[in-house]
Amino acid sequence: MKLESEHRGNILVIRAVNDRIDAAGAIQFKERMREIIEEPSERVVLDLSNVMFLDSSGLGAVVAVMKALGPVRRLELSGLTPTVEKVLRLTRMDSVFIIHKALPEELRHVG
C-alpha cells in the first residue's frame, strides 16, 4: 500500500496512492498509517481521492487508524469518491469522521 505524507504547518496530510483499500491491502495500509501517524501533528487528513474501492476490511483499517490516533487527534477524510462515500454513508461512518469534500487549497501539494 503506497501512501505519501507531508506536513503542512501543524497538519499531517496523507495521500493514498492506490485505488483500493480492501482485504488484500488492509493490514499493510494500517501498518503503514501507524508508522506515519507517529509523527507529531495537531491534525491528520487522509486524502482518499485516488481510492475507487473500499471494502469492509479497508473500512476497518481506516477506523483502526482513527482509534490509534486517540482522543486528542482526529482522523479527517477528504476527496471521497462516490463509491467510498456510499460505503461510509451506508455504515453511518460519515457521522464519525470529519469529511472534507476536497483538500483545502493550502494542503494540496503532497508528494
N, C-alpha and C. Protein backbone atom coordinates (compact mmCIF):
# COMPACT_ATOMS: atom_id res chain seq x y z
N MET A 1 0.85 -1.18 0.00
CA MET A 1 0.00 0.00 0.00
C MET A 1 0.89 1.23 0.00
N LYS A 2 0.78 2.01 -1.03
CA LYS A 2 1.60 3.21 -1.14
C LYS A 2 0.86 4.41 -0.57
N LEU A 3 1.51 5.08 0.35
CA LEU A 3 0.98 6.29 0.97
C LEU A 3 2.05 7.36 0.91
N GLU A 4 1.64 8.58 0.62
CA GLU A 4 2.56 9.71 0.63
C GLU A 4 2.13 10.64 1.75
N SER A 5 3.09 11.21 2.47
CA SER A 5 2.73 12.10 3.56
C SER A 5 3.59 13.35 3.54
N GLU A 6 3.02 14.41 4.08
CA GLU A 6 3.72 15.68 4.13
C GLU A 6 3.09 16.53 5.22
N HIS A 7 3.94 17.27 5.93
CA HIS A 7 3.45 18.21 6.93
C HIS A 7 3.16 19.54 6.26
N ARG A 8 2.01 20.08 6.56
CA ARG A 8 1.63 21.43 6.13
C ARG A 8 1.31 22.19 7.40
N GLY A 9 2.31 22.86 7.95
CA GLY A 9 2.13 23.52 9.24
C GLY A 9 1.91 22.45 10.30
N ASN A 10 0.83 22.56 11.05
CA ASN A 10 0.54 21.59 12.11
C ASN A 10 -0.36 20.45 11.63
N ILE A 11 -0.52 20.33 10.31
CA ILE A 11 -1.39 19.30 9.74
C ILE A 11 -0.55 18.28 8.98
N LEU A 12 -0.78 17.02 9.29
CA LEU A 12 -0.15 15.92 8.57
C LEU A 12 -1.12 15.46 7.49
N VAL A 13 -0.74 15.62 6.24
CA VAL A 13 -1.60 15.22 5.11
C VAL A 13 -1.03 13.91 4.55
N ILE A 14 -1.89 12.92 4.46
CA ILE A 14 -1.50 11.61 3.93
C ILE A 14 -2.38 11.32 2.72
N ARG A 15 -1.74 10.93 1.62
CA ARG A 15 -2.49 10.63 0.40
C ARG A 15 -2.35 9.15 0.07
N ALA A 16 -3.50 8.48 -0.08
CA ALA A 16 -3.49 7.09 -0.52
C ALA A 16 -3.27 7.09 -2.02
N VAL A 17 -2.22 6.43 -2.46
CA VAL A 17 -1.88 6.41 -3.89
C VAL A 17 -2.64 5.29 -4.59
N ASN A 18 -2.81 4.16 -3.92
CA ASN A 18 -3.51 3.02 -4.53
C ASN A 18 -4.98 3.32 -4.73
N ASP A 19 -5.61 2.60 -5.66
CA ASP A 19 -7.02 2.86 -5.94
C ASP A 19 -7.96 1.95 -5.16
N ARG A 20 -7.41 1.10 -4.29
CA ARG A 20 -8.24 0.18 -3.49
C ARG A 20 -7.68 0.06 -2.09
N ILE A 21 -8.58 0.02 -1.13
CA ILE A 21 -8.22 -0.40 0.23
C ILE A 21 -9.19 -1.53 0.53
N ASP A 22 -8.68 -2.74 0.38
CA ASP A 22 -9.53 -3.93 0.51
C ASP A 22 -8.83 -4.97 1.37
N ALA A 23 -9.41 -6.15 1.45
CA ALA A 23 -8.88 -7.21 2.29
C ALA A 23 -7.41 -7.52 1.98
N ALA A 24 -7.06 -7.45 0.71
CA ALA A 24 -5.69 -7.77 0.30
C ALA A 24 -4.67 -6.75 0.82
N GLY A 25 -5.07 -5.50 1.00
CA GLY A 25 -4.11 -4.48 1.40
C GLY A 25 -4.41 -3.80 2.72
N ALA A 26 -5.47 -4.21 3.40
CA ALA A 26 -5.90 -3.51 4.63
C ALA A 26 -4.84 -3.56 5.72
N ILE A 27 -4.22 -4.70 5.94
CA ILE A 27 -3.22 -4.81 7.00
C ILE A 27 -2.02 -3.94 6.69
N GLN A 28 -1.58 -3.97 5.45
CA GLN A 28 -0.44 -3.15 5.04
C GLN A 28 -0.79 -1.66 5.18
N PHE A 29 -2.01 -1.28 4.79
CA PHE A 29 -2.46 0.10 4.92
C PHE A 29 -2.39 0.53 6.39
N LYS A 30 -2.95 -0.29 7.26
CA LYS A 30 -3.00 0.03 8.68
C LYS A 30 -1.60 0.17 9.26
N GLU A 31 -0.71 -0.76 8.93
CA GLU A 31 0.66 -0.71 9.46
C GLU A 31 1.41 0.52 8.96
N ARG A 32 1.26 0.82 7.69
CA ARG A 32 1.94 2.00 7.12
C ARG A 32 1.39 3.29 7.72
N MET A 33 0.07 3.37 7.88
CA MET A 33 -0.53 4.54 8.51
C MET A 33 -0.04 4.71 9.94
N ARG A 34 0.05 3.63 10.68
CA ARG A 34 0.53 3.73 12.07
C ARG A 34 1.96 4.27 12.12
N GLU A 35 2.79 3.88 11.16
CA GLU A 35 4.16 4.43 11.11
C GLU A 35 4.11 5.93 10.85
N ILE A 36 3.29 6.33 9.90
CA ILE A 36 3.23 7.75 9.51
C ILE A 36 2.66 8.61 10.63
N ILE A 37 1.62 8.14 11.31
CA ILE A 37 0.97 8.98 12.33
C ILE A 37 1.78 9.09 13.62
N GLU A 38 2.89 8.37 13.70
CA GLU A 38 3.78 8.56 14.84
C GLU A 38 4.40 9.96 14.83
N GLU A 39 4.46 10.56 13.64
CA GLU A 39 4.97 11.92 13.52
C GLU A 39 4.00 12.86 14.23
N PRO A 40 4.51 13.77 15.07
CA PRO A 40 3.61 14.67 15.79
C PRO A 40 2.92 15.66 14.85
N SER A 41 1.65 15.89 15.10
CA SER A 41 0.86 16.87 14.36
C SER A 41 -0.42 17.10 15.13
N GLU A 42 -1.03 18.26 14.92
CA GLU A 42 -2.29 18.54 15.59
C GLU A 42 -3.46 17.87 14.88
N ARG A 43 -3.38 17.81 13.55
CA ARG A 43 -4.45 17.22 12.74
C ARG A 43 -3.86 16.23 11.75
N VAL A 44 -4.66 15.23 11.38
CA VAL A 44 -4.27 14.26 10.35
C VAL A 44 -5.39 14.21 9.32
N VAL A 45 -5.04 14.50 8.07
CA VAL A 45 -6.02 14.47 6.98
C VAL A 45 -5.61 13.38 6.00
N LEU A 46 -6.50 12.43 5.75
CA LEU A 46 -6.26 11.35 4.81
C LEU A 46 -7.00 11.65 3.51
N ASP A 47 -6.24 11.86 2.45
CA ASP A 47 -6.79 12.15 1.12
C ASP A 47 -7.08 10.83 0.42
N LEU A 48 -8.35 10.56 0.19
CA LEU A 48 -8.78 9.31 -0.44
C LEU A 48 -9.24 9.52 -1.88
N SER A 49 -8.84 10.61 -2.50
CA SER A 49 -9.34 10.93 -3.84
C SER A 49 -8.93 9.91 -4.91
N ASN A 50 -7.89 9.12 -4.66
CA ASN A 50 -7.49 8.08 -5.62
C ASN A 50 -8.19 6.74 -5.36
N VAL A 51 -8.84 6.60 -4.22
CA VAL A 51 -9.42 5.32 -3.81
C VAL A 51 -10.80 5.14 -4.42
N MET A 52 -10.91 4.17 -5.32
CA MET A 52 -12.18 3.91 -6.00
C MET A 52 -12.96 2.77 -5.36
N PHE A 53 -12.30 2.00 -4.49
CA PHE A 53 -12.96 0.85 -3.86
C PHE A 53 -12.50 0.71 -2.42
N LEU A 54 -13.46 0.59 -1.52
CA LEU A 54 -13.19 0.39 -0.09
C LEU A 54 -14.15 -0.68 0.40
N ASP A 55 -13.61 -1.83 0.85
CA ASP A 55 -14.49 -2.87 1.37
C ASP A 55 -14.51 -2.81 2.89
N SER A 56 -15.17 -3.76 3.52
CA SER A 56 -15.29 -3.74 4.98
C SER A 56 -13.94 -3.86 5.68
N SER A 57 -13.02 -4.62 5.09
CA SER A 57 -11.68 -4.73 5.67
C SER A 57 -10.95 -3.39 5.59
N GLY A 58 -11.09 -2.73 4.47
CA GLY A 58 -10.48 -1.41 4.30
C GLY A 58 -11.07 -0.40 5.26
N LEU A 59 -12.40 -0.42 5.40
CA LEU A 59 -13.05 0.48 6.34
C LEU A 59 -12.59 0.19 7.76
N GLY A 60 -12.46 -1.07 8.09
CA GLY A 60 -11.97 -1.46 9.41
C GLY A 60 -10.56 -0.93 9.66
N ALA A 61 -9.74 -0.94 8.63
CA ALA A 61 -8.37 -0.43 8.76
C ALA A 61 -8.37 1.08 8.99
N VAL A 62 -9.25 1.80 8.29
CA VAL A 62 -9.35 3.25 8.46
C VAL A 62 -9.83 3.56 9.88
N VAL A 63 -10.81 2.81 10.37
CA VAL A 63 -11.31 3.00 11.73
C VAL A 63 -10.21 2.68 12.76
N ALA A 64 -9.42 1.65 12.51
CA ALA A 64 -8.32 1.30 13.41
C ALA A 64 -7.31 2.44 13.51
N VAL A 65 -7.04 3.09 12.39
CA VAL A 65 -6.12 4.24 12.40
C VAL A 65 -6.72 5.38 13.21
N MET A 66 -8.01 5.60 13.04
CA MET A 66 -8.69 6.65 13.81
C MET A 66 -8.54 6.36 15.31
N LYS A 67 -8.73 5.12 15.71
CA LYS A 67 -8.61 4.75 17.11
C LYS A 67 -7.17 4.88 17.59
N ALA A 68 -6.21 4.57 16.73
CA ALA A 68 -4.79 4.67 17.10
C ALA A 68 -4.39 6.12 17.37
N LEU A 69 -5.07 7.06 16.75
CA LEU A 69 -4.77 8.48 16.98
C LEU A 69 -5.20 8.91 18.37
N GLY A 70 -6.12 8.18 18.96
CA GLY A 70 -6.57 8.51 20.31
C GLY A 70 -7.54 9.67 20.34
N PRO A 71 -7.85 10.13 21.54
CA PRO A 71 -8.88 11.16 21.67
C PRO A 71 -8.42 12.58 21.32
N VAL A 72 -7.12 12.81 21.28
CA VAL A 72 -6.62 14.16 21.06
C VAL A 72 -6.63 14.55 19.58
N ARG A 73 -6.16 13.65 18.72
CA ARG A 73 -6.14 13.93 17.27
C ARG A 73 -7.24 13.13 16.61
N ARG A 74 -7.91 13.76 15.64
CA ARG A 74 -8.94 13.05 14.89
C ARG A 74 -8.46 12.82 13.47
N LEU A 75 -8.89 11.70 12.91
CA LEU A 75 -8.59 11.42 11.51
C LEU A 75 -9.66 12.08 10.66
N GLU A 76 -9.24 12.99 9.79
CA GLU A 76 -10.14 13.66 8.87
C GLU A 76 -9.96 13.04 7.49
N LEU A 77 -11.05 12.89 6.77
CA LEU A 77 -11.01 12.29 5.44
C LEU A 77 -11.34 13.36 4.40
N SER A 78 -10.71 13.26 3.24
CA SER A 78 -11.03 14.21 2.17
C SER A 78 -11.04 13.52 0.82
N GLY A 79 -11.73 14.15 -0.13
CA GLY A 79 -11.73 13.69 -1.51
C GLY A 79 -12.38 12.34 -1.73
N LEU A 80 -13.46 12.07 -1.01
CA LEU A 80 -14.10 10.76 -1.16
C LEU A 80 -14.72 10.61 -2.54
N THR A 81 -14.41 9.49 -3.18
CA THR A 81 -15.06 9.16 -4.44
C THR A 81 -16.49 8.72 -4.13
N PRO A 82 -17.39 8.73 -5.10
CA PRO A 82 -18.79 8.35 -4.81
C PRO A 82 -18.92 6.96 -4.17
N THR A 83 -18.12 6.00 -4.61
CA THR A 83 -18.20 4.65 -4.06
C THR A 83 -17.79 4.63 -2.60
N VAL A 84 -16.70 5.29 -2.28
CA VAL A 84 -16.21 5.32 -0.90
C VAL A 84 -17.19 6.10 -0.02
N GLU A 85 -17.70 7.20 -0.54
CA GLU A 85 -18.67 7.99 0.21
C GLU A 85 -19.91 7.15 0.53
N LYS A 86 -20.34 6.33 -0.42
CA LYS A 86 -21.52 5.48 -0.21
C LYS A 86 -21.26 4.46 0.89
N VAL A 87 -20.07 3.86 0.92
CA VAL A 87 -19.72 2.89 1.97
C VAL A 87 -19.79 3.58 3.33
N LEU A 88 -19.23 4.77 3.43
CA LEU A 88 -19.24 5.49 4.70
C LEU A 88 -20.67 5.87 5.11
N ARG A 89 -21.47 6.26 4.16
CA ARG A 89 -22.85 6.65 4.45
C ARG A 89 -23.66 5.43 4.89
N LEU A 90 -23.53 4.31 4.17
CA LEU A 90 -24.30 3.11 4.50
C LEU A 90 -23.94 2.53 5.86
N THR A 91 -22.70 2.70 6.26
CA THR A 91 -22.25 2.19 7.56
C THR A 91 -22.37 3.25 8.66
N ARG A 92 -22.87 4.41 8.28
CA ARG A 92 -23.02 5.56 9.18
C ARG A 92 -21.70 6.08 9.72
N MET A 93 -20.63 5.71 9.08
CA MET A 93 -19.31 6.21 9.50
C MET A 93 -19.11 7.65 9.06
N ASP A 94 -19.98 8.13 8.18
CA ASP A 94 -19.89 9.53 7.77
C ASP A 94 -20.20 10.48 8.93
N SER A 95 -20.83 9.95 9.98
CA SER A 95 -21.10 10.78 11.17
C SER A 95 -19.98 10.69 12.19
N VAL A 96 -19.04 9.78 11.98
CA VAL A 96 -17.93 9.59 12.91
C VAL A 96 -16.71 10.42 12.49
N PHE A 97 -16.48 10.51 11.20
CA PHE A 97 -15.31 11.21 10.67
C PHE A 97 -15.65 12.64 10.28
N ILE A 98 -14.67 13.51 10.38
CA ILE A 98 -14.76 14.83 9.75
C ILE A 98 -14.43 14.59 8.29
N ILE A 99 -15.32 14.99 7.40
CA ILE A 99 -15.13 14.72 5.97
C ILE A 99 -15.10 16.05 5.22
N HIS A 100 -14.04 16.22 4.43
CA HIS A 100 -13.89 17.39 3.57
C HIS A 100 -14.17 16.94 2.14
N LYS A 101 -14.92 17.73 1.40
CA LYS A 101 -15.22 17.40 0.00
C LYS A 101 -13.92 17.23 -0.80
N ALA A 102 -12.98 18.14 -0.57
CA ALA A 102 -11.66 18.08 -1.22
C ALA A 102 -10.65 18.68 -0.24
N LEU A 103 -9.39 18.43 -0.51
CA LEU A 103 -8.36 19.04 0.32
C LEU A 103 -8.42 20.56 0.16
N PRO A 104 -8.32 21.29 1.26
CA PRO A 104 -8.20 22.74 1.11
C PRO A 104 -6.98 23.07 0.25
N GLU A 105 -7.07 24.14 -0.49
CA GLU A 105 -6.02 24.52 -1.44
C GLU A 105 -4.62 24.48 -0.83
N GLU A 106 -4.48 24.97 0.39
CA GLU A 106 -3.15 25.04 1.01
C GLU A 106 -2.58 23.67 1.37
N LEU A 107 -3.40 22.62 1.28
CA LEU A 107 -2.94 21.27 1.62
C LEU A 107 -2.74 20.37 0.40
N ARG A 108 -2.93 20.88 -0.79
CA ARG A 108 -2.99 20.02 -1.98
C ARG A 108 -1.67 19.53 -2.53
N HIS A 109 -0.58 20.13 -2.22
CA HIS A 109 0.69 19.77 -2.86
C HIS A 109 1.45 18.76 -2.02
N VAL A 110 1.04 17.51 -2.10
CA VAL A 110 1.63 16.42 -1.33
C VAL A 110 2.38 15.51 -2.29
N GLY A 111 3.53 15.01 -1.81
CA GLY A 111 4.24 14.02 -2.61
C GLY A 111 5.40 14.54 -3.20
